[in-house]
N, C-alpha and C. Protein backbone atom coordinates (compact mmCIF):
# COMPACT_ATOMS: atom_id res chain seq x y z
N MET A 1 0.93 -1.18 0.35
CA MET A 1 -0.18 0.56 0.04
C MET A 1 0.97 1.67 0.07
N SER A 2 0.78 1.87 -0.33
CA SER A 2 1.09 3.37 -0.94
C SER A 2 0.86 4.40 0.63
N GLY A 3 1.69 5.27 0.84
CA GLY A 3 1.25 6.14 1.85
C GLY A 3 0.90 7.04 0.64
N ASN A 4 0.53 6.96 0.22
CA ASN A 4 0.51 8.31 -0.91
C ASN A 4 -1.14 8.59 -1.29
N SER A 5 -2.10 9.07 -0.38
CA SER A 5 -3.39 9.02 -0.94
C SER A 5 -4.53 10.13 -1.16
N LYS A 6 -3.25 11.20 -0.49
CA LYS A 6 -3.93 12.23 -0.94
C LYS A 6 -4.52 12.59 -2.48
N LYS A 7 -5.53 13.21 -2.34
CA LYS A 7 -5.72 13.86 -3.76
C LYS A 7 -5.00 14.52 -3.89
N PRO A 8 -4.33 14.70 -5.41
CA PRO A 8 -4.31 16.25 -5.32
C PRO A 8 -4.84 18.03 -5.30
N PRO A 9 -4.42 18.62 -5.40
CA PRO A 9 -4.95 20.17 -4.59
C PRO A 9 -5.65 20.33 -5.95
N ARG A 10 -6.99 20.49 -5.78
CA ARG A 10 -7.81 21.26 -6.72
C ARG A 10 -7.59 22.62 -6.84
N GLN A 11 -7.17 22.88 -8.26
CA GLN A 11 -7.60 24.39 -9.17
C GLN A 11 -7.79 25.74 -8.40
N GLN A 12 -7.80 26.45 -7.76
CA GLN A 12 -8.00 27.84 -7.17
C GLN A 12 -8.23 28.35 -8.71
N GLN A 13 -9.44 28.49 -8.81
CA GLN A 13 -10.53 29.70 -9.32
C GLN A 13 -10.91 30.77 -8.74
N VAL A 14 -10.60 31.85 -10.13
CA VAL A 14 -11.91 32.84 -9.60
C VAL A 14 -13.74 33.65 -10.24
N PHE A 15 -14.55 33.52 -8.88
CA PHE A 15 -16.09 33.48 -9.18
C PHE A 15 -16.41 34.51 -9.35
N THR A 16 -17.52 35.26 -10.08
CA THR A 16 -17.53 36.36 -9.99
C THR A 16 -19.15 36.27 -9.56
N LEU A 17 -19.34 37.20 -8.08
CA LEU A 17 -20.41 36.53 -7.47
C LEU A 17 -21.11 38.66 -7.00
N LEU A 18 -22.60 38.10 -7.27
CA LEU A 18 -22.98 38.67 -7.23
C LEU A 18 -23.36 38.87 -5.39
N VAL A 19 -23.51 40.28 -4.44
CA VAL A 19 -23.90 40.19 -3.03
C VAL A 19 -24.67 41.43 -3.17
N GLU A 20 -26.07 40.88 -1.63
CA GLU A 20 -26.96 41.66 -1.62
C GLU A 20 -26.63 41.99 -0.48
N ILE A 21 -26.16 43.22 0.12
CA ILE A 21 -26.13 43.11 1.20
C ILE A 21 -27.30 43.87 2.42
N GLY A 22 -28.14 43.85 3.51
CA GLY A 22 -28.35 44.92 4.65
C GLY A 22 -27.70 45.69 4.88
N ARG A 23 -28.60 46.36 5.95
CA ARG A 23 -27.76 47.11 6.74
C ARG A 23 -27.49 47.29 8.20
N LYS A 24 -25.84 47.53 8.54
CA LYS A 24 -25.66 46.80 9.77
C LYS A 24 -24.77 48.64 10.27
N ALA A 25 -24.78 48.23 11.73
CA ALA A 25 -24.42 49.73 12.40
C ALA A 25 -22.73 49.73 12.02
N GLY A 26 -21.74 50.65 10.90
CA GLY A 26 -20.63 50.32 10.99
C GLY A 26 -20.19 50.05 9.42
N ASP A 27 -22.17 49.81 8.90
CA ASP A 27 -21.97 49.00 7.55
C ASP A 27 -20.20 49.61 6.23
N GLY A 28 -20.70 51.38 7.20
CA GLY A 28 -19.44 52.37 5.55
C GLY A 28 -20.50 52.70 4.35
N LEU A 29 -21.91 52.36 4.40
CA LEU A 29 -22.62 53.15 3.53
C LEU A 29 -23.62 53.79 3.67
N PRO A 30 -23.53 54.50 2.78
CA PRO A 30 -24.38 56.23 2.65
C PRO A 30 -25.77 56.08 3.50
N ASP A 31 -25.71 57.11 4.38
CA ASP A 31 -26.54 57.34 5.78
C ASP A 31 -28.27 56.61 5.19
N LYS A 32 -28.35 57.48 3.89
CA LYS A 32 -29.95 56.88 3.22
C LYS A 32 -30.06 55.12 2.92
N ALA A 33 -29.22 55.14 2.48
CA ALA A 33 -29.10 54.01 1.71
C ALA A 33 -29.96 52.42 3.02
N THR A 34 -30.51 51.72 1.88
CA THR A 34 -31.26 50.80 2.57
C THR A 34 -30.34 49.31 2.62
N GLY A 35 -29.45 49.83 1.92
CA GLY A 35 -28.55 48.26 1.44
C GLY A 35 -27.89 48.64 0.32
N ALA A 36 -27.18 47.47 -0.69
CA ALA A 36 -26.50 47.23 -1.64
C ALA A 36 -26.13 46.32 -2.50
N ALA A 37 -26.10 46.54 -3.90
CA ALA A 37 -25.18 44.75 -3.86
C ALA A 37 -23.62 45.78 -4.35
N LEU A 38 -22.92 43.92 -4.34
CA LEU A 38 -21.91 43.87 -4.95
C LEU A 38 -21.26 43.25 -5.59
N VAL A 39 -20.51 43.61 -6.96
CA VAL A 39 -19.73 42.41 -7.59
C VAL A 39 -18.41 42.82 -6.94
N VAL A 40 -18.39 41.19 -6.75
CA VAL A 40 -17.21 40.02 -5.91
C VAL A 40 -16.85 39.48 -7.19
N TYR A 41 -15.08 39.13 -6.63
CA TYR A 41 -13.95 38.66 -7.07
C TYR A 41 -13.53 37.65 -6.31
N ALA A 42 -13.71 36.29 -5.86
CA ALA A 42 -13.48 35.84 -4.98
C ALA A 42 -12.96 34.32 -5.36
N SER A 43 -11.70 33.88 -4.84
CA SER A 43 -11.20 32.18 -5.47
C SER A 43 -11.65 30.97 -4.74
N GLY A 44 -11.56 30.03 -5.04
CA GLY A 44 -11.80 29.15 -4.04
C GLY A 44 -11.81 28.03 -5.54
N VAL A 45 -11.96 26.75 -4.77
CA VAL A 45 -11.90 25.65 -5.72
C VAL A 45 -12.92 25.47 -6.30
N ASP A 46 -14.29 25.73 -5.47
CA ASP A 46 -15.41 25.85 -6.44
C ASP A 46 -16.45 27.01 -6.04
N GLU A 47 -17.42 27.31 -6.46
CA GLU A 47 -18.16 27.95 -6.10
C GLU A 47 -18.47 28.26 -5.20
N ALA A 48 -19.25 27.17 -4.44
CA ALA A 48 -19.38 27.40 -3.10
C ALA A 48 -18.39 27.83 -1.82
N GLU A 49 -17.53 27.79 -2.03
CA GLU A 49 -16.04 27.41 -1.09
C GLU A 49 -16.29 29.25 -1.58
N ALA A 50 -15.73 29.82 -2.80
CA ALA A 50 -15.98 31.34 -2.87
C ALA A 50 -16.95 31.59 -2.45
N VAL A 51 -18.10 31.81 -2.62
CA VAL A 51 -19.47 31.69 -1.51
C VAL A 51 -19.31 31.83 0.22
N ARG A 52 -18.72 31.05 0.44
CA ARG A 52 -18.42 30.67 2.12
C ARG A 52 -17.73 32.03 2.37
N GLU A 53 -16.98 31.79 1.65
CA GLU A 53 -15.35 32.73 2.11
C GLU A 53 -15.84 34.37 1.89
N THR A 54 -16.54 34.43 1.05
CA THR A 54 -16.52 36.07 0.46
C THR A 54 -18.14 36.25 1.97
N VAL A 55 -18.26 35.81 1.90
CA VAL A 55 -19.83 35.75 3.75
C VAL A 55 -18.88 36.17 4.71
N ALA A 56 -18.14 35.10 4.46
CA ALA A 56 -17.10 35.07 6.53
C ALA A 56 -16.64 36.68 5.86
N ILE A 57 -16.08 36.76 5.08
CA ILE A 57 -14.76 38.22 5.25
C ILE A 57 -16.58 39.48 5.44
N LEU A 58 -17.25 39.28 4.70
CA LEU A 58 -17.70 40.54 4.45
C LEU A 58 -18.81 40.72 5.79
N LYS A 59 -19.03 39.09 7.16
CA LYS A 59 -19.11 39.59 8.02
C LYS A 59 -17.90 40.28 8.84
N GLN A 60 -16.54 39.94 8.56
CA GLN A 60 -15.86 40.23 9.29
C GLN A 60 -15.61 41.89 8.62
N ALA A 61 -16.26 42.28 7.99
CA ALA A 61 -16.01 44.09 7.86
C ALA A 61 -17.23 44.31 7.81
N ASP A 62 -18.23 43.88 9.13
CA ASP A 62 -19.26 44.59 9.56
C ASP A 62 -20.67 44.98 8.46
N THR A 63 -20.50 43.97 7.40
CA THR A 63 -21.69 43.93 6.62
C THR A 63 -22.45 42.96 6.61
N ALA A 64 -23.73 42.57 6.53
CA ALA A 64 -24.61 41.79 6.58
C ALA A 64 -24.93 41.34 5.15
N PRO A 65 -24.35 40.17 4.80
CA PRO A 65 -25.34 39.82 3.33
C PRO A 65 -26.38 38.62 3.89
N LEU A 66 -27.34 39.66 2.43
CA LEU A 66 -28.15 38.77 2.51
C LEU A 66 -28.09 37.50 1.22
N ASP A 67 -27.95 37.90 -0.23
CA ASP A 67 -28.19 37.09 -1.19
C ASP A 67 -26.80 36.48 -1.82
N VAL A 68 -26.88 35.98 -2.15
CA VAL A 68 -24.83 35.89 -3.17
C VAL A 68 -25.54 35.42 -4.31
N SER A 69 -25.12 35.75 -5.67
CA SER A 69 -25.87 35.08 -6.98
C SER A 69 -24.70 34.25 -7.67
N GLY A 70 -23.69 33.44 -7.70
CA GLY A 70 -22.89 32.72 -8.84
C GLY A 70 -23.08 33.39 -10.06
N TYR A 71 -21.79 34.15 -11.04
CA TYR A 71 -21.94 33.85 -12.26
C TYR A 71 -21.06 33.39 -13.02
N GLY A 72 -19.95 32.49 -12.16
CA GLY A 72 -19.59 31.30 -12.48
C GLY A 72 -18.02 31.84 -12.64
N THR A 73 -17.00 30.81 -13.61
CA THR A 73 -15.83 31.86 -13.54
C THR A 73 -15.49 33.19 -14.72
N LEU A 74 -14.30 33.34 -15.45
CA LEU A 74 -13.88 34.05 -16.24
C LEU A 74 -14.37 33.00 -17.50
N GLU A 75 -13.64 32.05 -17.72
CA GLU A 75 -13.78 30.61 -19.26
C GLU A 75 -15.81 31.08 -19.60
N GLU A 76 -16.78 29.89 -18.16
CA GLU A 76 -17.92 30.35 -17.92
C GLU A 76 -18.76 31.47 -18.65
N ARG A 77 -17.89 32.30 -18.44
CA ARG A 77 -19.02 33.35 -18.41
C ARG A 77 -18.92 34.51 -19.65
N LYS A 78 -17.35 33.84 -20.57
CA LYS A 78 -16.68 34.10 -21.70
C LYS A 78 -17.74 33.53 -23.09
N ALA A 79 -18.24 32.14 -22.04
CA ALA A 79 -18.82 31.00 -22.91
C ALA A 79 -20.18 31.96 -23.29
N GLU A 80 -20.52 32.48 -22.26
CA GLU A 80 -21.80 33.17 -22.04
C GLU A 80 -22.29 34.78 -23.12
N GLY A 81 -20.96 34.84 -23.47
CA GLY A 81 -21.13 35.83 -23.98
C GLY A 81 -20.94 37.01 -23.25
N HIS A 82 -20.65 36.99 -22.32
CA HIS A 82 -20.31 38.65 -21.60
C HIS A 82 -19.56 39.02 -21.90
N GLU A 83 -19.37 40.73 -21.48
CA GLU A 83 -17.78 41.32 -22.28
C GLU A 83 -17.00 41.98 -20.95
N ILE A 84 -16.25 40.92 -20.86
CA ILE A 84 -14.54 41.43 -19.60
C ILE A 84 -13.83 42.15 -20.12
N SER A 85 -14.31 42.96 -19.65
CA SER A 85 -12.97 44.49 -19.80
C SER A 85 -11.89 43.76 -18.80
N ASP A 86 -10.90 44.63 -19.41
CA ASP A 86 -9.05 44.10 -19.28
C ASP A 86 -8.92 44.60 -17.82
N GLU A 87 -9.67 45.74 -17.18
CA GLU A 87 -9.90 46.23 -15.75
C GLU A 87 -10.26 45.45 -15.31
N GLU A 88 -11.51 44.21 -15.08
CA GLU A 88 -11.91 43.66 -14.43
C GLU A 88 -11.30 42.03 -14.55
N ARG A 89 -10.31 41.70 -15.87
CA ARG A 89 -9.35 40.40 -15.78
C ARG A 89 -8.55 40.68 -15.23
N ALA A 90 -7.59 42.09 -14.42
CA ALA A 90 -7.05 42.31 -13.97
C ALA A 90 -7.51 41.78 -11.93
N LEU A 91 -7.94 42.55 -12.14
CA LEU A 91 -9.20 42.15 -10.73
C LEU A 91 -9.27 40.66 -10.54
N MET A 92 -9.66 39.75 -11.28
CA MET A 92 -10.09 38.44 -11.12
C MET A 92 -8.34 37.71 -11.15
N GLN A 93 -7.97 38.41 -12.01
CA GLN A 93 -6.27 37.89 -11.72
C GLN A 93 -5.65 38.01 -10.59
N ARG A 94 -6.21 39.55 -9.38
CA ARG A 94 -5.37 39.48 -8.69
C ARG A 94 -6.37 38.77 -7.43
N ALA A 95 -7.16 38.51 -7.50
CA ALA A 95 -8.22 38.06 -7.09
C ALA A 95 -7.42 36.52 -6.59
N LEU A 96 -7.12 35.81 -7.84
CA LEU A 96 -6.04 34.44 -7.62
C LEU A 96 -4.92 34.67 -7.06
N ASP A 97 -4.55 35.28 -7.93
CA ASP A 97 -2.61 35.97 -7.19
C ASP A 97 -3.00 35.74 -5.50
N GLU A 98 -3.77 36.70 -5.01
CA GLU A 98 -3.88 36.82 -3.55
C GLU A 98 -4.35 36.14 -2.27
N ASN A 99 -4.76 35.37 -3.67
CA ASN A 99 -6.12 33.74 -2.69
C ASN A 99 -7.20 34.56 -1.82
N ALA A 100 -7.74 35.67 -2.94
CA ALA A 100 -8.35 36.71 -2.44
C ALA A 100 -10.25 37.56 -2.34
N VAL A 101 -10.66 37.82 -2.04
CA VAL A 101 -12.19 38.43 -2.66
C VAL A 101 -12.02 40.07 -2.56
N ILE A 102 -12.23 40.58 -3.57
CA ILE A 102 -11.80 41.65 -4.44
C ILE A 102 -13.51 42.04 -4.61
N VAL A 103 -13.72 43.56 -3.77
CA VAL A 103 -14.85 43.94 -4.13
C VAL A 103 -14.70 44.91 -5.15
N ALA A 104 -15.15 44.65 -6.76
CA ALA A 104 -15.17 45.80 -7.46
C ALA A 104 -15.98 46.40 -7.75
N GLN A 105 -17.34 46.84 -7.28
CA GLN A 105 -18.31 47.64 -7.34
C GLN A 105 -18.95 47.52 -6.33
N MET A 106 -19.84 48.50 -5.96
CA MET A 106 -20.77 48.57 -4.89
C MET A 106 -21.56 49.86 -5.21
N THR A 107 -23.14 49.18 -5.67
CA THR A 107 -24.29 49.46 -5.82
C THR A 107 -25.13 50.44 -4.64
N PRO A 108 -25.40 51.12 -3.69
CA PRO A 108 -25.91 51.56 -2.86
C PRO A 108 -27.79 51.33 -3.10
N PHE A 109 -28.51 50.70 -2.17
CA PHE A 109 -30.16 50.89 -2.53
C PHE A 109 -30.70 51.88 -2.18
N TYR A 110 -31.51 52.54 -2.60
CA TYR A 110 -32.50 53.78 -1.75
C TYR A 110 -33.45 53.21 -1.83
N ASP A 111 -34.77 54.25 -1.27
CA ASP A 111 -35.64 53.34 -1.66
C ASP A 111 -36.52 54.11 -2.02
């Protein structure tokens, strides 16, 4: 029996996520905002891991994540015909290089 039964490490990928956040004290949102939508690039071996990491980090940052929608990897988005700018690609690469969660865009909601 070989002692090397470990699976090879799975490749990290970057997933594009849309996160809806609610209000919470200290969340840094504008005073009259009721929440916000965040476009996030998050690395993970799968989308579920990317979502878990993102939610954990957003909670640590005193925000209240309510809902997360996944838009897939760069390759999946290209296959769906999404236009992806060089700036977006650079942020995705940074998320991969740094094994990070990067908030690329925040849009506050108002009533």
